[in-house]
């Protein structure tokens, strides 16, 4: 569909309004939005919940899903102090998603 830069605030409501404007730009509505996938940062979780609520008001259920790679990074960050790396080895971990 395209790549668009979002500028301005980053509150959950602002993110939702931006997404709805993008749907409108392509003559789409929540009926065509089967799911939305974001990272699991609190603002994006809140935006996902708002989108689900608004879609329900429109008579459909758009699902919100958190990126699994972001969830894995949070788990790795949480447990990495418990399992120290060998001397001279980096603790850097990269997780890639391909869709």
N, C-alpha and C. Protein backbone atom coordinates (compact mmCIF):
# COMPACT_ATOMS: atom_id res chain seq x y z
N UNK A 1 0.82 -1.19 0.00
CA UNK A 1 0.00 0.00 0.00
C UNK A 1 0.86 1.25 0.00
N UNK A 2 1.97 1.22 0.72
CA UNK A 2 2.82 2.40 0.75
C UNK A 2 3.56 2.50 2.07
N UNK A 3 4.42 3.43 2.14
CA UNK A 3 5.19 3.71 3.35
C UNK A 3 5.00 5.18 3.66
N UNK A 4 4.45 5.47 4.82
CA UNK A 4 4.12 6.84 5.19
C UNK A 4 4.74 7.18 6.53
N UNK A 5 5.26 8.37 6.64
CA UNK A 5 5.85 8.83 7.90
C UNK A 5 4.76 9.43 8.77
N UNK A 6 4.72 9.01 10.01
CA UNK A 6 3.78 9.60 10.97
C UNK A 6 4.53 10.65 11.76
N UNK A 7 4.00 11.85 11.79
CA UNK A 7 4.60 12.92 12.57
C UNK A 7 3.62 13.33 13.66
N UNK A 8 4.07 14.11 14.60
CA UNK A 8 3.19 14.59 15.65
C UNK A 8 3.29 13.75 16.91
N UNK A 9 2.25 13.84 17.71
CA UNK A 9 2.22 13.15 19.01
C UNK A 9 2.17 11.64 18.84
N UNK A 10 2.44 10.97 19.93
CA UNK A 10 2.39 9.51 19.89
C UNK A 10 1.56 8.94 21.04
N UNK A 11 0.44 9.56 21.30
CA UNK A 11 -0.49 8.98 22.27
C UNK A 11 -1.26 7.86 21.57
N UNK A 12 -1.90 7.02 22.34
CA UNK A 12 -2.68 5.94 21.74
C UNK A 12 -3.76 6.48 20.81
N UNK A 13 -4.46 7.53 21.25
CA UNK A 13 -5.51 8.12 20.40
C UNK A 13 -4.94 8.69 19.12
N UNK A 14 -3.77 9.30 19.19
CA UNK A 14 -3.13 9.86 18.00
C UNK A 14 -2.76 8.76 17.02
N UNK A 15 -2.24 7.65 17.53
CA UNK A 15 -1.88 6.52 16.68
C UNK A 15 -3.12 5.94 16.00
N UNK A 16 -4.20 5.80 16.76
CA UNK A 16 -5.45 5.27 16.21
C UNK A 16 -6.00 6.20 15.13
N UNK A 17 -6.00 7.50 15.40
CA UNK A 17 -6.48 8.45 14.40
C UNK A 17 -5.65 8.39 13.13
N UNK A 18 -4.34 8.25 13.29
CA UNK A 18 -3.46 8.12 12.12
C UNK A 18 -3.82 6.87 11.32
N UNK A 19 -4.00 5.75 12.01
CA UNK A 19 -4.36 4.49 11.33
C UNK A 19 -5.70 4.62 10.61
N UNK A 20 -6.66 5.24 11.26
CA UNK A 20 -7.97 5.42 10.63
C UNK A 20 -7.86 6.32 9.39
N UNK A 21 -7.03 7.34 9.47
CA UNK A 21 -6.82 8.20 8.29
C UNK A 21 -6.19 7.42 7.14
N UNK A 22 -5.29 6.50 7.47
CA UNK A 22 -4.67 5.67 6.43
C UNK A 22 -5.70 4.74 5.80
N UNK A 23 -6.58 4.18 6.61
CA UNK A 23 -7.65 3.34 6.06
C UNK A 23 -8.51 4.16 5.10
N UNK A 24 -8.88 5.36 5.53
CA UNK A 24 -9.71 6.24 4.70
C UNK A 24 -9.00 6.60 3.39
N UNK A 25 -7.71 6.83 3.47
CA UNK A 25 -6.93 7.18 2.28
C UNK A 25 -7.08 6.13 1.18
N UNK A 26 -7.25 4.87 1.58
CA UNK A 26 -7.39 3.78 0.61
C UNK A 26 -8.82 3.25 0.53
N UNK A 27 -9.78 4.05 0.99
CA UNK A 27 -11.20 3.69 0.96
C UNK A 27 -11.47 2.36 1.66
N UNK A 28 -10.82 2.16 2.80
CA UNK A 28 -11.01 0.96 3.60
C UNK A 28 -11.66 1.33 4.93
N UNK A 29 -12.19 0.32 5.61
CA UNK A 29 -12.76 0.52 6.93
C UNK A 29 -12.35 -0.65 7.81
N UNK A 30 -12.84 -0.65 9.03
CA UNK A 30 -12.51 -1.77 9.93
C UNK A 30 -13.00 -3.11 9.39
N UNK A 31 -14.02 -3.09 8.53
CA UNK A 31 -14.50 -4.34 7.93
C UNK A 31 -13.40 -5.06 7.17
N UNK A 32 -12.52 -4.31 6.53
CA UNK A 32 -11.43 -4.91 5.76
C UNK A 32 -10.17 -5.11 6.60
N UNK A 33 -10.13 -4.54 7.80
CA UNK A 33 -8.95 -4.66 8.67
C UNK A 33 -9.12 -5.87 9.58
N UNK A 34 -8.61 -7.00 9.14
CA UNK A 34 -8.76 -8.25 9.89
C UNK A 34 -7.99 -8.18 11.20
N UNK A 35 -6.76 -7.66 11.14
CA UNK A 35 -5.95 -7.54 12.35
C UNK A 35 -4.97 -6.39 12.22
N UNK A 36 -4.48 -5.95 13.36
CA UNK A 36 -3.43 -4.94 13.41
C UNK A 36 -2.32 -5.52 14.28
N UNK A 37 -1.09 -5.34 13.83
CA UNK A 37 0.06 -5.88 14.55
C UNK A 37 0.99 -4.72 14.89
N UNK A 38 1.36 -4.62 16.16
CA UNK A 38 2.26 -3.56 16.61
C UNK A 38 3.31 -4.17 17.54
N UNK A 39 4.25 -3.34 17.97
CA UNK A 39 5.14 -3.82 19.02
C UNK A 39 4.33 -3.82 20.33
N UNK A 40 4.96 -4.20 21.40
CA UNK A 40 4.23 -4.35 22.66
C UNK A 40 4.55 -3.23 23.65
N UNK A 41 4.93 -2.09 23.14
CA UNK A 41 5.14 -0.90 23.96
C UNK A 41 3.76 -0.45 24.45
N UNK A 42 3.64 0.05 25.69
CA UNK A 42 2.33 0.36 26.26
C UNK A 42 1.42 1.25 25.41
N UNK A 43 1.98 2.25 24.74
CA UNK A 43 1.16 3.12 23.89
C UNK A 43 0.55 2.33 22.74
N UNK A 44 1.34 1.43 22.16
CA UNK A 44 0.84 0.65 21.03
C UNK A 44 -0.19 -0.40 21.49
N UNK A 45 -0.01 -0.95 22.67
CA UNK A 45 -1.01 -1.87 23.22
C UNK A 45 -2.33 -1.13 23.42
N UNK A 46 -2.25 0.08 24.00
CA UNK A 46 -3.46 0.88 24.21
C UNK A 46 -4.12 1.23 22.88
N UNK A 47 -3.32 1.57 21.87
CA UNK A 47 -3.88 1.87 20.55
C UNK A 47 -4.57 0.65 19.98
N UNK A 48 -3.95 -0.52 20.13
CA UNK A 48 -4.57 -1.76 19.65
C UNK A 48 -5.90 -2.02 20.32
N UNK A 49 -5.98 -1.76 21.62
CA UNK A 49 -7.24 -1.97 22.36
C UNK A 49 -8.32 -1.00 21.88
N UNK A 50 -7.94 0.24 21.60
CA UNK A 50 -8.90 1.22 21.09
C UNK A 50 -9.41 0.79 19.71
N UNK A 51 -8.52 0.31 18.87
CA UNK A 51 -8.92 -0.15 17.53
C UNK A 51 -9.91 -1.31 17.64
N UNK A 52 -9.63 -2.26 18.53
CA UNK A 52 -10.55 -3.39 18.73
C UNK A 52 -11.91 -2.87 19.18
N UNK A 53 -11.93 -1.94 20.15
CA UNK A 53 -13.20 -1.39 20.65
C UNK A 53 -13.97 -0.66 19.55
N UNK A 54 -13.27 0.17 18.77
CA UNK A 54 -13.94 0.91 17.70
C UNK A 54 -14.45 -0.02 16.61
N UNK A 55 -13.70 -1.08 16.32
CA UNK A 55 -14.17 -2.01 15.30
C UNK A 55 -15.43 -2.74 15.78
N UNK A 56 -15.49 -3.07 17.07
CA UNK A 56 -16.68 -3.73 17.62
C UNK A 56 -17.91 -2.83 17.50
N UNK A 57 -17.72 -1.53 17.72
CA UNK A 57 -18.83 -0.58 17.56
C UNK A 57 -19.32 -0.56 16.12
N UNK A 58 -18.42 -0.85 15.18
CA UNK A 58 -18.79 -0.89 13.76
C UNK A 58 -19.33 -2.24 13.33
N UNK A 59 -19.44 -3.17 14.27
CA UNK A 59 -20.03 -4.47 13.97
C UNK A 59 -19.04 -5.53 13.51
N UNK A 60 -17.75 -5.26 13.59
CA UNK A 60 -16.74 -6.26 13.23
C UNK A 60 -15.75 -6.38 14.37
N UNK A 61 -14.90 -7.38 14.31
CA UNK A 61 -13.87 -7.52 15.34
C UNK A 61 -12.50 -7.59 14.70
N UNK A 62 -11.85 -6.45 14.66
CA UNK A 62 -10.47 -6.39 14.23
C UNK A 62 -9.62 -6.85 15.41
N UNK A 63 -8.72 -7.78 15.18
CA UNK A 63 -7.88 -8.31 16.26
C UNK A 63 -6.60 -7.49 16.38
N UNK A 64 -6.09 -7.41 17.60
CA UNK A 64 -4.78 -6.80 17.83
C UNK A 64 -3.81 -7.90 18.23
N UNK A 65 -2.63 -7.88 17.63
CA UNK A 65 -1.58 -8.84 17.95
C UNK A 65 -0.28 -8.11 18.21
N UNK A 66 0.47 -8.55 19.21
CA UNK A 66 1.79 -7.98 19.47
C UNK A 66 2.85 -8.76 18.71
N UNK A 67 3.84 -8.04 18.16
CA UNK A 67 4.94 -8.70 17.46
C UNK A 67 5.63 -9.70 18.37
N UNK A 68 5.75 -10.93 17.94
CA UNK A 68 6.40 -11.95 18.74
C UNK A 68 7.87 -11.63 18.96
N UNK A 69 8.53 -11.00 17.98
CA UNK A 69 9.94 -10.69 18.17
C UNK A 69 10.15 -9.69 19.30
N UNK A 70 9.23 -8.74 19.44
CA UNK A 70 9.37 -7.77 20.53
C UNK A 70 9.13 -8.45 21.87
N UNK A 71 8.17 -9.35 21.93
CA UNK A 71 7.93 -10.09 23.17
C UNK A 71 9.16 -10.92 23.55
N UNK A 72 9.78 -11.55 22.56
CA UNK A 72 10.98 -12.35 22.83
C UNK A 72 12.13 -11.47 23.32
N UNK A 73 12.27 -10.28 22.74
CA UNK A 73 13.32 -9.37 23.19
C UNK A 73 13.10 -8.96 24.64
N UNK A 74 11.84 -8.74 25.03
CA UNK A 74 11.55 -8.38 26.42
C UNK A 74 11.91 -9.53 27.36
N UNK A 75 11.60 -10.76 26.95
CA UNK A 75 11.93 -11.92 27.77
C UNK A 75 13.44 -12.08 27.89
N UNK A 76 14.14 -11.92 26.78
CA UNK A 76 15.60 -12.05 26.81
C UNK A 76 16.21 -10.98 27.71
N UNK A 77 15.70 -9.77 27.62
CA UNK A 77 16.21 -8.68 28.46
C UNK A 77 15.97 -8.98 29.93
N UNK A 78 14.81 -9.56 30.22
CA UNK A 78 14.45 -9.85 31.59
C UNK A 78 15.34 -10.95 32.19
N UNK A 79 15.69 -11.97 31.38
CA UNK A 79 16.44 -13.10 31.91
C UNK A 79 17.94 -13.03 31.64
N UNK A 80 18.42 -12.11 30.82
CA UNK A 80 19.84 -12.08 30.51
C UNK A 80 20.73 -11.81 31.72
N UNK A 81 20.30 -11.03 32.74
CA UNK A 81 21.18 -10.87 33.90
C UNK A 81 21.34 -12.17 34.70
N UNK A 82 20.40 -13.07 34.59
CA UNK A 82 20.47 -14.34 35.32
C UNK A 82 21.51 -15.27 34.71
N UNK A 83 21.67 -15.19 33.39
CA UNK A 83 22.60 -16.05 32.68
C UNK A 83 23.72 -15.21 32.08
N UNK A 84 24.77 -14.91 32.87
CA UNK A 84 25.83 -14.06 32.34
C UNK A 84 26.57 -14.73 31.18
N UNK A 85 27.06 -13.89 30.27
CA UNK A 85 27.81 -14.38 29.12
C UNK A 85 29.22 -14.75 29.54
N UNK A 86 29.85 -15.59 28.73
CA UNK A 86 31.25 -15.93 28.98
C UNK A 86 32.10 -14.69 28.80
N UNK A 87 33.21 -14.65 29.49
CA UNK A 87 34.10 -13.50 29.40
C UNK A 87 34.51 -13.27 27.94
N UNK A 88 34.37 -12.03 27.49
CA UNK A 88 34.76 -11.67 26.13
C UNK A 88 33.66 -11.84 25.10
N UNK A 89 32.50 -12.39 25.49
CA UNK A 89 31.40 -12.56 24.55
C UNK A 89 30.34 -11.49 24.78
N UNK A 90 29.78 -11.04 23.72
CA UNK A 90 28.75 -10.02 23.78
C UNK A 90 27.42 -10.63 24.20
N UNK A 91 26.59 -9.85 24.82
CA UNK A 91 25.27 -10.29 25.21
C UNK A 91 24.23 -9.81 24.19
N UNK A 92 24.68 -9.26 23.09
CA UNK A 92 23.79 -8.71 22.08
C UNK A 92 23.03 -9.84 21.38
N UNK A 93 21.73 -9.69 21.31
CA UNK A 93 20.87 -10.67 20.66
C UNK A 93 19.99 -9.94 19.66
N UNK A 94 19.90 -10.46 18.45
CA UNK A 94 19.01 -9.88 17.46
C UNK A 94 17.97 -10.92 17.07
N UNK A 95 16.75 -10.47 16.96
CA UNK A 95 15.65 -11.33 16.54
C UNK A 95 15.01 -10.66 15.34
N UNK A 96 14.83 -11.41 14.28
CA UNK A 96 14.28 -10.87 13.04
C UNK A 96 12.95 -11.53 12.74
N UNK A 97 12.04 -10.75 12.21
CA UNK A 97 10.76 -11.27 11.76
C UNK A 97 10.67 -11.08 10.25
N UNK A 98 10.22 -12.09 9.58
CA UNK A 98 10.01 -11.99 8.14
C UNK A 98 8.57 -12.40 7.88
N UNK A 99 7.83 -11.49 7.27
CA UNK A 99 6.42 -11.77 6.96
C UNK A 99 6.20 -11.63 5.49
